[in-house]
Amino acid sequence: MLKIILAQPRGFCAGVVRAIDIVEAALRKWGAPVYVFHPIVHNERVIDVLAKKGAVFVADMEHVPRGATVIFSAHGVGVRMRQAAESRELEVIDATCPLVEKVHAAVRRFDALGRRVVIVGHREHDEVQGTLGQISAPAHVISSAVEAGHVEIDGDVPLAFVTQTTLSSTDVREIVCILRARFPGIVGPDAGDICYATENRQRAVRALCAVVDIVLVVGSASSSNANRLLDVARAEGRPAYLLADGRGLQTGWFDGLRTIGLTAGASTPDDAVADVLAALARIAETEISVMAGPSETVHFKFPAGLAPMP
């Protein structure tokens, strides 16, 4: 028998729920097609469902017909993208996660104060691109402790840092510690900008690792927060694997192991988790329990003019 322990919390966060609900509300109000700039969240399963309902995902504002409706993804966009939408007379609905917008506001504030901005995050990630796009001044992007130890910045320039919301809190603390040691005048948020949902899921995985033999993370390979859950489990000394759904399961992972921990990234839908559980049940008889953990009750306000499903 395979004993499966589900992490709590896991799966969708409030920002993801809001973003998906915004796309569905726009489809109800205006009908298909509704254009979305970049994947609304980083999960192919979610994107496929919304695409079948009439959402059209684009990587270039030029692909949105003039005068149409466009939704900005949960990861946010820079000023130039907003200007491009305006120049094409697009109706803009902003699904940027409020916690990401908080980072954007901090970047604009630091820039207005004359501070050079350091962004702790992954340069190619949509969220970091959107954060970089908040200001015209040059900014530094640092993704590792090694980079933090070697980055060259004019010591006479006042500095400030912000962080991508979906990073490992452990990695962020290490990077920020190095930056503070090298640049004593640098300022930034005391606890970084890691969002509550990211932090909660990482804590749950650490607790899970104390009682399981192996950890499965359900999520997309493109999801930063899902990959960080994988990193956390491995850092705790447990074999860990990322899979989008049950098709990615490999029976060889469980040789000699009987207790499986299962979690899901903040952009992973429940049906993907259910698919993995069904695949495990085809391997052997399973016993499923849920680890104790906090219940998340956060809800974010909807954009004016749109109404979520009651």
C-alpha atoms as a PDB file:
ATOM      1  CA  MET A   1       0.000   0.000   0.000  1.00  0.00           C
ATOM      2  CA  LEU A   2       1.126   3.525  -0.788  1.00  0.00           C
ATOM      3  CA  LYS A   3       0.521   6.067   1.958  1.00  0.00           C
ATOM      4  CA  ILE A   4      -0.055   9.523   0.446  1.00  0.00           C
ATOM      5  CA  ILE A   5       0.062  12.687   2.536  1.00  0.00           C
ATOM      6  CA  LEU A   6      -1.239  15.883   0.934  1.00  0.00           C
ATOM      7  CA  ALA A   7       0.416  19.160   1.886  1.00  0.00           C
ATOM      8  CA  GLN A   8      -1.756  21.944   3.271  1.00  0.00           C
ATOM      9  CA  PRO A   9      -1.982  24.457   1.722  1.00  0.00           C
ATOM     10  CA  ARG A  10      -1.401  23.479  -1.892  1.00  0.00           C
ATOM     11  CA  GLY A  11      -2.705  24.514  -5.308  1.00  0.00           C
ATOM     12  CA  PHE A  12      -4.388  27.746  -6.354  1.00  0.00           C
ATOM     13  CA  CYS A  13      -3.620  30.976  -4.502  1.00  0.00           C
ATOM     14  CA  ALA A  14      -5.866  34.037  -4.370  1.00  0.00           C
ATOM     15  CA  GLY A  15      -4.001  35.849  -7.148  1.00  0.00           C
ATOM     16  CA  VAL A  16      -4.358  32.902  -9.516  1.00  0.00           C
ATOM     17  CA  VAL A  17      -8.042  32.439  -8.699  1.00  0.00           C
ATOM     18  CA  ARG A  18      -8.639  36.136  -9.358  1.00  0.00           C
ATOM     19  CA  ALA A  19      -6.762  36.082 -12.691  1.00  0.00           C
ATOM     20  CA  ILE A  20      -8.630  33.033 -14.007  1.00  0.00           C
ATOM     21  CA  ASP A  21     -11.956  34.430 -12.820  1.00  0.00           C
ATOM     22  CA  ILE A  22     -11.220  37.702 -14.633  1.00  0.00           C
ATOM     23  CA  VAL A  23     -10.746  35.880 -17.955  1.00  0.00           C
ATOM     24  CA  GLU A  24     -13.939  33.887 -17.466  1.00  0.00           C
ATOM     25  CA  ALA A  25     -15.877  36.999 -16.436  1.00  0.00           C
ATOM     26  CA  ALA A  26     -14.639  38.839 -19.536  1.00  0.00           C
ATOM     27  CA  LEU A  27     -15.762  35.942 -21.731  1.00  0.00           C
ATOM     28  CA  ARG A  28     -19.206  36.032 -20.126  1.00  0.00           C
ATOM     29  CA  LYS A  29     -19.486  39.786 -20.600  1.00  0.00           C
ATOM     30  CA  TRP A  30     -18.101  40.215 -24.118  1.00  0.00           C
ATOM     31  CA  GLY A  31     -18.032  36.709 -25.553  1.00  0.00           C
ATOM     32  CA  ALA A  32     -15.152  35.143 -27.443  1.00  0.00           C
ATOM     33  CA  PRO A  33     -12.561  36.035 -28.378  1.00  0.00           C
ATOM     34  CA  VAL A  34     -10.979  37.777 -25.415  1.00  0.00           C
ATOM     35  CA  TYR A  35      -7.251  38.422 -25.803  1.00  0.00           C
ATOM     36  CA  VAL A  36      -4.773  37.769 -22.995  1.00  0.00           C
ATOM     37  CA  PHE A  37      -1.232  39.152 -23.087  1.00  0.00           C
ATOM     38  CA  HIS A  38       1.037  36.275 -22.004  1.00  0.00           C
ATOM     39  CA  PRO A  39      -0.259  33.126 -20.249  1.00  0.00           C
ATOM     40  CA  ILE A  40      -2.693  34.301 -17.570  1.00  0.00           C
ATOM     41  CA  VAL A  41      -0.866  31.952 -15.145  1.00  0.00           C
ATOM     42  CA  HIS A  42       1.957  29.483 -15.702  1.00  0.00           C
ATOM     43  CA  ASN A  43       0.011  26.268 -16.118  1.00  0.00           C
ATOM     44  CA  GLU A  44      -0.705  24.682 -19.493  1.00  0.00           C
ATOM     45  CA  ARG A  45      -3.774  22.857 -18.196  1.00  0.00           C
ATOM     46  CA  VAL A  46      -5.392  26.140 -17.181  1.00  0.00           C
ATOM     47  CA  ILE A  47      -4.425  27.788 -20.469  1.00  0.00           C
ATOM     48  CA  ASP A  48      -5.938  24.935 -22.502  1.00  0.00           C
ATOM     49  CA  VAL A  49      -9.252  25.165 -20.635  1.00  0.00           C
ATOM     50  CA  LEU A  50      -9.495  28.926 -21.119  1.00  0.00           C
ATOM     51  CA  ALA A  51      -8.452  28.694 -24.775  1.00  0.00           C
ATOM     52  CA  LYS A  52     -11.291  26.237 -25.433  1.00  0.00           C
ATOM     53  CA  LYS A  53     -13.697  28.794 -23.932  1.00  0.00           C
ATOM     54  CA  GLY A  54     -12.449  31.495 -26.300  1.00  0.00           C
ATOM     55  CA  ALA A  55      -9.415  33.129 -24.682  1.00  0.00           C
ATOM     56  CA  VAL A  56      -6.668  33.957 -27.180  1.00  0.00           C
ATOM     57  CA  PHE A  57      -3.182  34.190 -25.678  1.00  0.00           C
ATOM     58  CA  VAL A  58      -0.723  36.490 -27.426  1.00  0.00           C
ATOM     59  CA  ALA A  59       2.933  37.334 -26.926  1.00  0.00           C
ATOM     60  CA  ASP A  60       2.821  40.610 -28.873  1.00  0.00           C
ATOM     61  CA  MET A  61       0.343  43.464 -28.518  1.00  0.00           C
ATOM     62  CA  GLU A  62       0.388  43.761 -32.318  1.00  0.00           C
ATOM     63  CA  HIS A  63      -1.553  40.487 -32.434  1.00  0.00           C
ATOM     64  CA  VAL A  64      -4.507  42.066 -30.646  1.00  0.00           C
ATOM     65  CA  PRO A  65      -6.968  43.682 -33.084  1.00  0.00           C
ATOM     66  CA  ARG A  66      -7.269  47.437 -32.712  1.00  0.00           C
ATOM     67  CA  GLY A  67     -10.077  48.363 -30.327  1.00  0.00           C
ATOM     68  CA  ALA A  68     -10.362  44.837 -28.846  1.00  0.00           C
ATOM     69  CA  THR A  69     -10.233  43.842 -25.171  1.00  0.00           C
ATOM     70  CA  VAL A  70      -6.920  42.667 -23.742  1.00  0.00           C
ATOM     71  CA  ILE A  71      -6.209  41.201 -20.306  1.00  0.00           C
ATOM     72  CA  PHE A  72      -2.810  41.593 -18.673  1.00  0.00           C
ATOM     73  CA  SER A  73      -1.662  38.385 -16.964  1.00  0.00           C
ATOM     74  CA  ALA A  74      -1.224  37.855 -13.224  1.00  0.00           C
ATOM     75  CA  HIS A  75       2.523  38.478 -13.633  1.00  0.00           C
ATOM     76  CA  GLY A  76       2.018  42.116 -14.635  1.00  0.00           C
ATOM     77  CA  VAL A  77       3.443  44.224 -17.452  1.00  0.00           C
ATOM     78  CA  GLY A  78       5.724  47.194 -17.845  1.00  0.00           C
ATOM     79  CA  VAL A  79       4.875  50.771 -18.801  1.00  0.00           C
ATOM     80  CA  ARG A  80       5.702  50.219 -22.482  1.00  0.00           C
ATOM     81  CA  MET A  81       3.132  47.446 -22.783  1.00  0.00           C
ATOM     82  CA  ARG A  82       0.490  49.697 -21.263  1.00  0.00           C
ATOM     83  CA  GLN A  83       1.435  52.408 -23.733  1.00  0.00           C
ATOM     84  CA  ALA A  84       1.268  49.920 -26.616  1.00  0.00           C
ATOM     85  CA  ALA A  85      -2.222  48.893 -25.544  1.00  0.00           C
ATOM     86  CA  GLU A  86      -3.267  52.535 -25.350  1.00  0.00           C
ATOM     87  CA  SER A  87      -1.863  53.298 -28.810  1.00  0.00           C
ATOM     88  CA  ARG A  88      -3.973  50.464 -30.245  1.00  0.00           C
ATOM     89  CA  GLU A  89      -7.047  51.774 -28.424  1.00  0.00           C
ATOM     90  CA  LEU A  90      -7.438  48.521 -26.532  1.00  0.00           C
ATOM     91  CA  GLU A  91      -9.834  48.016 -23.650  1.00  0.00           C
ATOM     92  CA  VAL A  92      -7.477  46.929 -20.852  1.00  0.00           C
ATOM     93  CA  ILE A  93      -8.406  44.639 -17.982  1.00  0.00           C
ATOM     94  CA  ASP A  94      -5.574  44.273 -15.500  1.00  0.00           C
ATOM     95  CA  ALA A  95      -5.300  40.852 -13.834  1.00  0.00           C
ATOM     96  CA  THR A  96      -1.922  41.627 -12.245  1.00  0.00           C
ATOM     97  CA  CYS A  97      -1.742  39.992  -8.821  1.00  0.00           C
ATOM     98  CA  PRO A  98      -2.069  42.716  -6.166  1.00  0.00           C
ATOM     99  CA  LEU A  99       1.063  41.386  -4.461  1.00  0.00           C
ATOM    100  CA  VAL A 100       3.018  41.789  -7.712  1.00  0.00           C
ATOM    101  CA  GLU A 101       1.597  45.292  -8.098  1.00  0.00           C
ATOM    102  CA  LYS A 102       2.923  46.010  -4.604  1.00  0.00           C
ATOM    103  CA  VAL A 103       6.427  45.199  -5.882  1.00  0.00           C
ATOM    104  CA  HIS A 104       5.859  47.400  -8.934  1.00  0.00           C
ATOM    105  CA  ALA A 105       4.831  50.300  -6.697  1.00  0.00           C
ATOM    106  CA  ALA A 106       7.977  49.838  -4.583  1.00  0.00           C
ATOM    107  CA  VAL A 107      10.191  49.924  -7.695  1.00  0.00           C
ATOM    108  CA  ARG A 108       8.571  53.143  -8.876  1.00  0.00           C
ATOM    109  CA  ARG A 109       8.939  54.659  -5.411  1.00  0.00           C
ATOM    110  CA  PHE A 110      12.617  53.738  -5.100  1.00  0.00           C
ATOM    111  CA  ASP A 111      13.290  55.078  -8.592  1.00  0.00           C
ATOM    112  CA  ALA A 112      11.574  58.373  -7.728  1.00  0.00           C
ATOM    113  CA  LEU A 113      13.843  58.651  -4.674  1.00  0.00           C
ATOM    114  CA  GLY A 114      16.898  58.340  -6.912  1.00  0.00           C
ATOM    115  CA  ARG A 115      17.869  54.807  -5.887  1.00  0.00           C
ATOM    116  CA  ARG A 116      19.223  52.229  -8.317  1.00  0.00           C
ATOM    117  CA  VAL A 117      16.979  49.156  -8.165  1.00  0.00           C
ATOM    118  CA  VAL A 118      18.207  45.589  -7.668  1.00  0.00           C
ATOM    119  CA  ILE A 119      15.629  42.914  -8.489  1.00  0.00           C
ATOM    120  CA  VAL A 120      16.188  39.518  -6.903  1.00  0.00           C
ATOM    121  CA  GLY A 121      14.646  37.092  -9.375  1.00  0.00           C
ATOM    122  CA  HIS A 122      14.942  35.313 -12.708  1.00  0.00           C
ATOM    123  CA  ARG A 123      15.431  37.761 -15.570  1.00  0.00           C
ATOM    124  CA  GLU A 124      13.398  35.836 -18.169  1.00  0.00           C
ATOM    125  CA  HIS A 125      10.379  35.327 -15.920  1.00  0.00           C
ATOM    126  CA  ASP A 126       7.304  37.320 -16.958  1.00  0.00           C
ATOM    127  CA  GLU A 127       6.995  38.844 -13.491  1.00  0.00           C
ATOM    128  CA  VAL A 128      10.549  40.152 -13.486  1.00  0.00           C
ATOM    129  CA  GLN A 129      10.141  41.529 -17.011  1.00  0.00           C
ATOM    130  CA  GLY A 130       7.068  43.395 -15.846  1.00  0.00           C
ATOM    131  CA  THR A 131       8.926  44.710 -12.808  1.00  0.00           C
ATOM    132  CA  LEU A 132      11.860  45.869 -14.923  1.00  0.00           C
ATOM    133  CA  GLY A 133       9.397  47.653 -17.165  1.00  0.00           C
ATOM    134  CA  GLN A 134       8.127  49.914 -14.386  1.00  0.00           C
ATOM    135  CA  ILE A 135      11.053  52.312 -14.767  1.00  0.00           C
ATOM    136  CA  SER A 136      13.269  53.605 -17.554  1.00  0.00           C
ATOM    137  CA  ALA A 137      16.408  53.707 -15.408  1.00  0.00           C
ATOM    138  CA  PRO A 138      18.791  50.730 -15.556  1.00  0.00           C
ATOM    139  CA  ALA A 139      18.253  48.010 -12.944  1.00  0.00           C
ATOM    140  CA  HIS A 140      20.208  44.940 -11.885  1.00  0.00           C
ATOM    141  CA  VAL A 141      18.652  41.457 -11.824  1.00  0.00           C
ATOM    142  CA  ILE A 142      20.277  38.925  -9.488  1.00  0.00           C
ATOM    143  CA  SER A 143      19.174  35.305  -9.431  1.00  0.00           C
ATOM    144  CA  SER A 144      21.685  33.624  -7.119  1.00  0.00           C
ATOM    145  CA  ALA A 145      24.009  34.102  -4.181  1.00  0.00           C
ATOM    146  CA  VAL A 146      26.969  33.773  -6.562  1.00  0.00           C
ATOM    147  CA  GLU A 147      25.681  36.657  -8.654  1.00  0.00           C
ATOM    148  CA  ALA A 148      25.053  38.704  -5.530  1.00  0.00           C
ATOM    149  CA  GLY A 149      28.660  38.180  -4.514  1.00  0.00           C
ATOM    150  CA  HIS A 150      30.080  39.310  -7.844  1.00  0.00           C
ATOM    151  CA  VAL A 151      27.727  41.945  -9.247  1.00  0.00           C
ATOM    152  CA  GLU A 152      29.485  45.225  -9.894  1.00  0.00           C
ATOM    153  CA  ILE A 153      27.539  48.330  -8.891  1.00  0.00           C
ATOM    154  CA  ASP A 154      28.810  51.876  -8.468  1.00  0.00           C
ATOM    155  CA  GLY A 155      29.303  52.219  -4.722  1.00  0.00           C
ATOM    156  CA  ASP A 156      28.315  55.893  -4.804  1.00  0.00           C
ATOM    157  CA  VAL A 157      24.824  55.165  -6.124  1.00  0.00           C
ATOM    158  CA  PRO A 158      22.147  54.620  -3.438  1.00  0.00           C
ATOM    159  CA  LEU A 159      20.544  51.186  -3.856  1.00  0.00           C
ATOM    160  CA  ALA A 160      17.236  49.481  -3.126  1.00  0.00           C
ATOM    161  CA  PHE A 161      16.092  45.913  -3.695  1.00  0.00           C
ATOM    162  CA  VAL A 162      12.832  44.128  -4.376  1.00  0.00           C
ATOM    163  CA  THR A 163      12.212  40.445  -5.036  1.00  0.00           C
ATOM    164  CA  GLN A 164      10.183  38.289  -7.362  1.00  0.00           C
ATOM    165  CA  THR A 165       7.191  36.994  -5.386  1.00  0.00           C
ATOM    166  CA  THR A 166       7.622  33.292  -6.212  1.00  0.00           C
ATOM    167  CA  LEU A 167      11.200  32.609  -5.101  1.00  0.00           C
ATOM    168  CA  SER A 168      12.489  30.351  -2.364  1.00  0.00           C
ATOM    169  CA  SER A 169      12.438  32.367   0.852  1.00  0.00           C
ATOM    170  CA  THR A 170      15.680  30.660   1.923  1.00  0.00           C
ATOM    171  CA  ASP A 171      17.437  31.703  -1.286  1.00  0.00           C
ATOM    172  CA  VAL A 172      16.149  35.262  -0.963  1.00  0.00           C
ATOM    173  CA  ARG A 173      17.422  35.577   2.601  1.00  0.00           C
ATOM    174  CA  GLU A 174      20.883  34.394   1.524  1.00  0.00           C
ATOM    175  CA  ILE A 175      21.024  36.765  -1.442  1.00  0.00           C
ATOM    176  CA  VAL A 176      19.778  39.748   0.567  1.00  0.00           C
ATOM    177  CA  CYS A 177      22.280  39.008   3.340  1.00  0.00           C
ATOM    178  CA  ILE A 178      25.112  39.139   0.789  1.00  0.00           C
ATOM    179  CA  LEU A 179      23.782  42.351  -0.753  1.00  0.00           C
ATOM    180  CA  ARG A 180      23.492  44.023   2.660  1.00  0.00           C
ATOM    181  CA  ALA A 181      27.061  42.994   3.526  1.00  0.00           C
ATOM    182  CA  ARG A 182      28.469  44.304   0.230  1.00  0.00           C
ATOM    183  CA  PHE A 183      26.289  47.412   0.009  1.00  0.00           C
ATOM    184  CA  PRO A 184      25.496  48.569   3.576  1.00  0.00           C
ATOM    185  CA  GLY A 185      23.288  51.422   2.407  1.00  0.00           C
ATOM    186  CA  ILE A 186      20.906  49.246   0.411  1.00  0.00           C
ATOM    187  CA  VAL A 187      17.260  49.396   1.489  1.00  0.00           C
ATOM    188  CA  GLY A 188      14.311  47.095   0.877  1.00  0.00           C
ATOM    189  CA  PRO A 189      11.429  45.275   2.526  1.00  0.00           C
ATOM    190  CA  ASP A 190      12.377  43.586   5.812  1.00  0.00           C
ATOM    191  CA  ALA A 191      11.007  40.185   4.768  1.00  0.00           C
ATOM    192  CA  GLY A 192      11.430  40.581   1.027  1.00  0.00           C
ATOM    193  CA  ASP A 193       8.441  40.436  -1.291  1.00  0.00           C
ATOM    194  CA  ILE A 194       7.786  36.686  -1.166  1.00  0.00           C
ATOM    195  CA  CYS A 195       4.009  36.329  -1.252  1.00  0.00           C
ATOM    196  CA  TYR A 196       2.061  34.688   1.561  1.00  0.00           C
ATOM    197  CA  ALA A 197       0.977  31.765  -0.661  1.00  0.00           C
ATOM    198  CA  THR A 198       4.519  31.007  -1.809  1.00  0.00           C
ATOM    199  CA  GLU A 199       5.769  31.108   1.787  1.00  0.00           C
ATOM    200  CA  ASN A 200       2.902  28.930   3.058  1.00  0.00           C
ATOM    201  CA  ARG A 201       3.463  26.271   0.419  1.00  0.00           C
ATOM    202  CA  GLN A 202       7.193  26.141   1.061  1.00  0.00           C
ATOM    203  CA  ARG A 203       6.652  25.772   4.813  1.00  0.00           C
ATOM    204  CA  ALA A 204       4.166  22.983   4.157  1.00  0.00           C
ATOM    205  CA  VAL A 205       6.700  21.116   2.034  1.00  0.00           C
ATOM    206  CA  ARG A 206       9.336  21.401   4.759  1.00  0.00           C
ATOM    207  CA  ALA A 207       6.871  19.925   7.247  1.00  0.00           C
ATOM    208  CA  LEU A 208       5.922  17.230   4.754  1.00  0.00           C
ATOM    209  CA  CYS A 209       9.538  16.200   4.276  1.00  0.00           C
ATOM    210  CA  ALA A 210       9.791  15.257   7.955  1.00  0.00           C
ATOM    211  CA  VAL A 211       7.258  12.441   7.534  1.00  0.00           C
ATOM    212  CA  VAL A 212       7.526  11.186   3.917  1.00  0.00           C
ATOM    213  CA  ASP A 213      10.020   9.253   1.815  1.00  0.00           C
ATOM    214  CA  ILE A 214       9.491  11.158  -1.445  1.00  0.00           C
ATOM    215  CA  VAL A 215       7.764  14.347  -2.601  1.00  0.00           C
ATOM    216  CA  LEU A 216       5.741  14.860  -5.772  1.00  0.00           C
ATOM    217  CA  VAL A 217       5.114  18.441  -6.891  1.00  0.00           C
ATOM    218  CA  VAL A 218       2.227  18.847  -9.297  1.00  0.00           C
ATOM    219  CA  GLY A 219       2.725  21.838 -11.547  1.00  0.00           C
ATOM    220  CA  SER A 220       4.010  23.167 -14.822  1.00  0.00           C
ATOM    221  CA  ALA A 221       7.696  23.192 -15.725  1.00  0.00           C
ATOM    222  CA  SER A 222       7.234  26.906 -16.512  1.00  0.00           C
ATOM    223  CA  SER A 223       5.929  27.672 -13.002  1.00  0.00           C
ATOM    224  CA  SER A 224       8.501  29.365 -10.790  1.00  0.00           C
ATOM    225  CA  ASN A 225       6.638  28.635  -7.564  1.00  0.00           C
ATOM    226  CA  ALA A 226       6.235  24.933  -8.439  1.00  0.00           C
ATOM    227  CA  ASN A 227       9.935  24.632  -9.205  1.00  0.00           C
ATOM    228  CA  ARG A 228      10.800  26.296  -5.922  1.00  0.00           C
ATOM    229  CA  LEU A 229       8.695  23.681  -4.069  1.00  0.00           C
ATOM    230  CA  LEU A 230      10.807  21.066  -5.823  1.00  0.00           C
ATOM    231  CA  ASP A 231      13.984  22.846  -4.681  1.00  0.00           C
ATOM    232  CA  VAL A 232      12.729  23.031  -1.087  1.00  0.00           C
ATOM    233  CA  ALA A 233      11.973  19.301  -0.952  1.00  0.00           C
ATOM    234  CA  ARG A 234      15.374  18.397  -2.354  1.00  0.00           C
ATOM    235  CA  ALA A 235      17.107  20.802   0.027  1.00  0.00           C
ATOM    236  CA  GLU A 236      15.372  18.914   2.858  1.00  0.00           C
ATOM    237  CA  GLY A 237      17.019  15.704   1.623  1.00  0.00           C
ATOM    238  CA  ARG A 238      14.048  14.062  -0.062  1.00  0.00           C
ATOM    239  CA  PRO A 239      13.894  12.769  -3.631  1.00  0.00           C
ATOM    240  CA  ALA A 240      11.394  15.008  -5.401  1.00  0.00           C
ATOM    241  CA  TYR A 241       9.842  15.184  -8.843  1.00  0.00           C
ATOM    242  CA  LEU A 242       7.789  17.737 -10.769  1.00  0.00           C
ATOM    243  CA  LEU A 243       4.945  16.470 -12.946  1.00  0.00           C
ATOM    244  CA  ALA A 244       2.126  18.233 -14.769  1.00  0.00           C
ATOM    245  CA  ASP A 245      -0.368  15.401 -14.261  1.00  0.00           C
ATOM    246  CA  GLY A 246      -0.612  11.629 -13.860  1.00  0.00           C
ATOM    247  CA  ARG A 247       0.997  10.945 -17.229  1.00  0.00           C
ATOM    248  CA  GLY A 248       4.342  12.071 -15.859  1.00  0.00           C
ATOM    249  CA  LEU A 249       4.367   9.464 -13.103  1.00  0.00           C
ATOM    250  CA  GLN A 250       7.145   6.834 -13.169  1.00  0.00           C
ATOM    251  CA  THR A 251       6.716   3.690 -11.068  1.00  0.00           C
ATOM    252  CA  GLY A 252      10.466   3.409 -10.551  1.00  0.00           C
ATOM    253  CA  TRP A 253      10.381   6.485  -8.344  1.00  0.00           C
ATOM    254  CA  PHE A 254       8.738   4.492  -5.542  1.00  0.00           C
ATOM    255  CA  ASP A 255      10.956   1.397  -5.363  1.00  0.00           C
ATOM    256  CA  GLY A 256      11.337   0.595  -1.679  1.00  0.00           C
ATOM    257  CA  LEU A 257       9.387   3.717  -0.670  1.00  0.00           C
ATOM    258  CA  ARG A 258       5.927   3.681   0.870  1.00  0.00           C
ATOM    259  CA  THR A 259       5.097   7.200   2.089  1.00  0.00           C
ATOM    260  CA  ILE A 260       4.551   9.831  -0.589  1.00  0.00           C
ATOM    261  CA  GLY A 261       4.163  13.546   0.017  1.00  0.00           C
ATOM    262  CA  LEU A 262       2.182  15.447  -2.580  1.00  0.00           C
ATOM    263  CA  THR A 263       1.889  19.187  -3.087  1.00  0.00           C
ATOM    264  CA  ALA A 264       0.919  21.527  -5.924  1.00  0.00           C
ATOM    265  CA  GLY A 265       2.122  24.889  -7.154  1.00  0.00           C
ATOM    266  CA  ALA A 266       0.006  28.008  -6.713  1.00  0.00           C
ATOM    267  CA  SER A 267      -1.095  27.902 -10.358  1.00  0.00           C
ATOM    268  CA  THR A 268      -1.963  24.174 -10.379  1.00  0.00           C
ATOM    269  CA  PRO A 269      -5.665  23.257 -10.635  1.00  0.00           C
ATOM    270  CA  ASP A 270      -7.214  20.614  -8.385  1.00  0.00           C
ATOM    271  CA  ASP A 271      -7.999  18.327 -11.317  1.00  0.00           C
ATOM    272  CA  ALA A 272      -4.273  17.950 -12.045  1.00  0.00           C
ATOM    273  CA  VAL A 273      -3.737  16.769  -8.464  1.00  0.00           C
ATOM    274  CA  ALA A 274      -6.696  14.388  -8.801  1.00  0.00           C
ATOM    275  CA  ASP A 275      -5.159  12.991 -11.987  1.00  0.00           C
ATOM    276  CA  VAL A 276      -1.895  12.233 -10.166  1.00  0.00           C
ATOM    277  CA  LEU A 277      -3.776  10.564  -7.307  1.00  0.00           C
ATOM    278  CA  ALA A 278      -5.678   8.405  -9.822  1.00  0.00           C
ATOM    279  CA  ALA A 279      -2.393   7.402 -11.463  1.00  0.00           C
ATOM    280  CA  LEU A 280      -0.940   6.427  -8.081  1.00  0.00           C
ATOM    281  CA  ALA A 281      -4.037   4.339  -7.358  1.00  0.00           C
ATOM    282  CA  ARG A 282      -3.398   2.397 -10.560  1.00  0.00           C
ATOM    283  CA  ILE A 283       0.064   1.466  -9.271  1.00  0.00           C
ATOM    284  CA  ALA A 284      -1.055   0.194  -5.862  1.00  0.00           C
ATOM    285  CA  GLU A 285      -3.728   0.523  -3.234  1.00  0.00           C
ATOM    286  CA  THR A 286      -3.484   3.984  -1.673  1.00  0.00           C
ATOM    287  CA  GLU A 287      -4.300   5.566   1.662  1.00  0.00           C
ATOM    288  CA  ILE A 288      -4.704   9.350   1.502  1.00  0.00           C
ATOM    289  CA  SER A 289      -4.502  11.846   4.346  1.00  0.00           C
ATOM    290  CA  VAL A 290      -4.074  15.612   4.576  1.00  0.00           C
ATOM    291  CA  MET A 291      -1.359  17.170   6.705  1.00  0.00           C
ATOM    292  CA  ALA A 292      -2.508  19.849   9.121  1.00  0.00           C
ATOM    293  CA  GLY A 293      -1.815  23.354   7.877  1.00  0.00           C
ATOM    294  CA  PRO A 294      -3.222  26.867   7.638  1.00  0.00           C
ATOM    295  CA  SER A 295      -6.377  27.610   5.677  1.00  0.00           C
ATOM    296  CA  GLU A 296      -5.972  30.534   3.299  1.00  0.00           C
ATOM    297  CA  THR A 297      -8.869  32.996   3.326  1.00  0.00           C
ATOM    298  CA  VAL A 298      -7.332  35.800   1.262  1.00  0.00           C
ATOM    299  CA  HIS A 299      -9.511  37.258  -1.506  1.00  0.00           C
ATOM    300  CA  PHE A 300      -8.511  40.058  -3.866  1.00  0.00           C
ATOM    301  CA  LYS A 301     -10.826  42.734  -5.199  1.00  0.00           C
ATOM    302  CA  PHE A 302     -12.135  42.338  -8.758  1.00  0.00           C
ATOM    303  CA  PRO A 303     -11.568  45.031 -11.426  1.00  0.00           C
ATOM    304  CA  ALA A 304     -14.346  47.577 -11.800  1.00  0.00           C
ATOM    305  CA  GLY A 305     -16.885  46.637 -14.456  1.00  0.00           C
ATOM    306  CA  LEU A 306     -16.458  42.900 -14.105  1.00  0.00           C
ATOM    307  CA  ALA A 307     -18.283  40.586 -11.746  1.00  0.00           C
ATOM    308  CA  PRO A 308     -17.065  37.149 -10.600  1.00  0.00           C
ATOM    309  CA  MET A 309     -19.435  34.190 -10.546  1.00  0.00           C
ATOM    310  CA  PRO A 310     -21.601  34.265  -7.381  1.00  0.00           C
END
